[in-house]
């Protein structure tokens, strides 16, 4: 759905988290069909981590973008998939339908690595003025350092909450 925009879409956490979920969901289905419920721990973890990423995507859209720009940012065009349907379906599938291995508390923190990796890379690229944004809370030159740190803390907290909730 984003192919017409080329590789530039890879600067968006939303797109990356949806690609991550596509890959892990496809692997899950393949293993499930082949082994009938014998899902490796590594794959259970990857499905968990991708669901954490999509849950964070949904939460950021719901709590940051909808108040700023209206509900259309969640349902207009391809955003209905990226911001609403894929995150909700991934959450429902992971919580209610997927057979998975028990995950330890360390998996909570490991599941945050994709988010923190994205944040580190995109913030450095913003500081170096290679990219601008792509989200308002990443535009380091349009806000104070304190606000940037506050956004980081809030979004990290949301990710930690999602990871903790999904591990239960």
Protein backbone atom coordinates (compact mmCIF):
# COMPACT_ATOMS: atom_id res chain seq x y z
CA UNK A 1 0.00 0.00 0.00
CA UNK A 2 2.95 2.31 0.52
CA UNK A 3 4.96 1.18 -2.51
CA UNK A 4 4.18 4.34 -4.46
CA UNK A 5 6.19 6.31 -1.88
CA UNK A 6 9.31 4.16 -2.22
CA UNK A 7 11.78 3.54 0.58
CA UNK A 8 10.95 6.85 2.26
CA UNK A 9 8.10 5.11 4.10
CA UNK A 10 10.71 3.19 6.09
CA UNK A 11 11.29 6.29 8.21
CA UNK A 12 7.90 5.70 9.86
CA UNK A 13 7.68 3.52 12.97
CA UNK A 14 4.12 2.73 11.91
CA UNK A 15 5.26 1.18 8.63
CA UNK A 16 8.18 -0.65 10.22
CA UNK A 17 6.01 -2.11 12.99
CA UNK A 18 3.46 -3.30 10.42
CA UNK A 19 6.20 -4.93 8.31
CA UNK A 20 7.59 -6.57 11.46
CA UNK A 21 4.12 -7.91 12.29
CA UNK A 22 3.60 -9.14 8.72
CA UNK A 23 6.85 -11.11 8.84
CA UNK A 24 6.29 -12.58 12.31
CA UNK A 25 2.64 -13.42 11.60
CA UNK A 26 3.58 -15.14 8.34
CA UNK A 27 6.26 -17.17 10.13
CA UNK A 28 3.78 -18.05 12.88
CA UNK A 29 1.20 -19.31 10.37
CA UNK A 30 3.84 -21.31 8.49
CA UNK A 31 5.10 -22.97 11.69
CA UNK A 32 1.58 -23.56 12.95
CA UNK A 33 0.50 -25.25 9.72
CA UNK A 34 3.65 -27.36 9.61
CA UNK A 35 4.01 -28.35 13.27
CA UNK A 36 0.46 -28.07 14.63
CA UNK A 37 1.01 -26.02 17.79
CA UNK A 38 4.75 -26.63 18.20
CA UNK A 39 5.77 -22.97 18.02
CA UNK A 40 9.42 -22.25 18.97
CA UNK A 41 10.04 -19.86 21.86
CA UNK A 42 11.95 -17.49 19.56
CA UNK A 43 8.93 -17.18 17.28
CA UNK A 44 6.57 -16.69 20.24
CA UNK A 45 8.84 -13.88 21.37
CA UNK A 46 8.98 -12.28 17.91
CA UNK A 47 5.17 -12.34 17.65
CA UNK A 48 5.02 -10.78 21.11
CA UNK A 49 7.56 -8.07 20.21
CA UNK A 50 5.77 -7.21 16.95
CA UNK A 51 2.44 -7.03 18.80
CA UNK A 52 4.02 -4.70 21.35
CA UNK A 53 5.18 -2.46 18.48
CA UNK A 54 1.74 -2.41 16.86
CA UNK A 55 0.04 -1.79 20.20
CA UNK A 56 2.35 1.18 20.72
CA UNK A 57 1.51 2.42 17.21
CA UNK A 58 -2.20 2.25 18.03
CA UNK A 59 -1.71 3.98 21.40
CA UNK A 60 0.40 6.82 19.96
CA UNK A 61 -2.16 7.44 17.22
CA UNK A 62 -5.04 7.31 19.70
CA UNK A 63 -3.48 9.51 22.39
CA UNK A 64 -1.33 11.90 20.32
CA UNK A 65 -2.58 12.15 16.75
CA UNK A 66 -6.34 11.80 17.15
CA UNK A 67 -6.49 14.69 19.67
CA UNK A 68 -4.28 16.83 17.38
CA UNK A 69 -5.73 16.02 13.97
CA UNK A 70 -9.01 14.19 14.51
CA UNK A 71 -10.18 10.62 14.09
CA UNK A 72 -9.45 10.69 10.33
CA UNK A 73 -5.76 10.00 11.04
CA UNK A 74 -6.85 6.58 12.21
CA UNK A 75 -9.26 5.64 9.43
CA UNK A 76 -8.42 7.60 6.29
CA UNK A 77 -6.81 5.80 3.33
CA UNK A 78 -4.14 3.23 4.19
CA UNK A 79 -4.08 4.50 7.77
CA UNK A 80 -7.12 2.36 8.54
CA UNK A 81 -4.77 -0.61 8.11
CA UNK A 82 -1.60 0.86 9.65
CA UNK A 83 -3.20 2.63 12.59
CA UNK A 84 -6.32 0.60 13.35
CA UNK A 85 -7.00 -2.78 11.73
CA UNK A 86 -3.52 -4.35 11.83
CA UNK A 87 -2.79 -3.28 15.43
CA UNK A 88 -6.21 -4.40 16.69
CA UNK A 89 -6.17 -7.70 14.78
CA UNK A 90 -2.61 -8.45 15.89
CA UNK A 91 -3.56 -7.78 19.51
CA UNK A 92 -6.68 -9.97 19.31
CA UNK A 93 -4.84 -12.77 17.52
CA UNK A 94 -1.91 -12.74 19.95
CA UNK A 95 -4.02 -12.55 23.11
CA UNK A 96 -6.91 -14.84 22.23
CA UNK A 97 -5.91 -17.25 19.47
CA UNK A 98 -2.18 -17.91 19.29
CA UNK A 99 -0.55 -20.78 21.12
CA UNK A 100 2.64 -19.45 22.60
CA UNK A 101 5.36 -20.31 25.03
CA UNK A 102 5.52 -18.62 28.42
CA UNK A 103 7.59 -15.45 28.27
CA UNK A 104 9.86 -14.30 31.10
CA UNK A 105 10.16 -10.80 32.53
CA UNK A 106 13.35 -10.29 30.50
CA UNK A 107 11.23 -10.68 27.35
CA UNK A 108 9.36 -7.50 28.38
CA UNK A 109 12.56 -5.48 28.08
CA UNK A 110 13.81 -7.34 25.01
CA UNK A 111 10.53 -6.55 23.25
CA UNK A 112 11.32 -2.85 23.64
CA UNK A 113 14.54 -3.12 21.62
CA UNK A 114 12.87 -2.48 18.22
CA UNK A 115 11.23 0.68 19.61
CA UNK A 116 14.40 1.96 21.28
CA UNK A 117 16.48 1.14 18.21
CA UNK A 118 14.07 3.11 16.02
CA UNK A 119 14.07 5.99 18.51
CA UNK A 120 17.86 6.13 18.73
CA UNK A 121 18.34 6.08 14.95
CA UNK A 122 15.60 8.56 14.08
CA UNK A 123 16.53 11.00 16.88
CA UNK A 124 20.18 11.01 15.75
CA UNK A 125 19.00 11.55 12.15
CA UNK A 126 16.86 14.46 13.35
CA UNK A 127 19.75 15.98 15.31
CA UNK A 128 21.98 15.65 12.23
CA UNK A 129 19.18 17.20 10.12
CA UNK A 130 19.12 14.20 7.78
CA UNK A 131 15.36 13.84 8.36
CA UNK A 132 12.73 16.04 9.93
CA UNK A 133 10.34 14.12 12.14
CA UNK A 134 8.62 12.17 10.71
CA UNK A 135 6.46 12.66 13.80
CA UNK A 136 5.97 15.99 15.60
CA UNK A 137 7.40 14.64 18.87
CA UNK A 138 10.65 13.74 17.06
CA UNK A 139 11.25 17.20 15.61
CA UNK A 140 14.03 18.09 18.01
CA UNK A 141 14.63 21.57 16.60
CA UNK A 142 10.97 22.62 16.86
CA UNK A 143 10.64 21.90 20.57
CA UNK A 144 12.62 22.24 23.77
CA UNK A 145 15.01 19.56 24.96
CA UNK A 146 12.79 19.10 28.02
CA UNK A 147 9.75 18.44 25.81
CA UNK A 148 11.74 15.96 23.69
CA UNK A 149 12.82 14.11 26.85
CA UNK A 150 9.24 14.19 28.16
CA UNK A 151 7.91 12.70 24.91
CA UNK A 152 10.58 9.98 25.09
CA UNK A 153 9.61 9.13 28.68
CA UNK A 154 5.88 9.07 27.90
CA UNK A 155 6.21 6.92 24.77
CA UNK A 156 8.71 4.60 26.46
CA UNK A 157 6.25 4.23 29.34
CA UNK A 158 3.47 3.42 26.89
CA UNK A 159 5.68 0.76 25.26
CA UNK A 160 6.59 -0.73 28.65
CA UNK A 161 2.92 -0.80 29.65
CA UNK A 162 1.97 -2.53 26.38
CA UNK A 163 4.77 -5.09 26.80
CA UNK A 164 3.75 -5.80 30.39
CA UNK A 165 0.06 -6.09 29.51
CA UNK A 166 0.70 -8.44 26.58
CA UNK A 167 2.94 -10.75 28.60
CA UNK A 168 0.14 -11.56 31.06
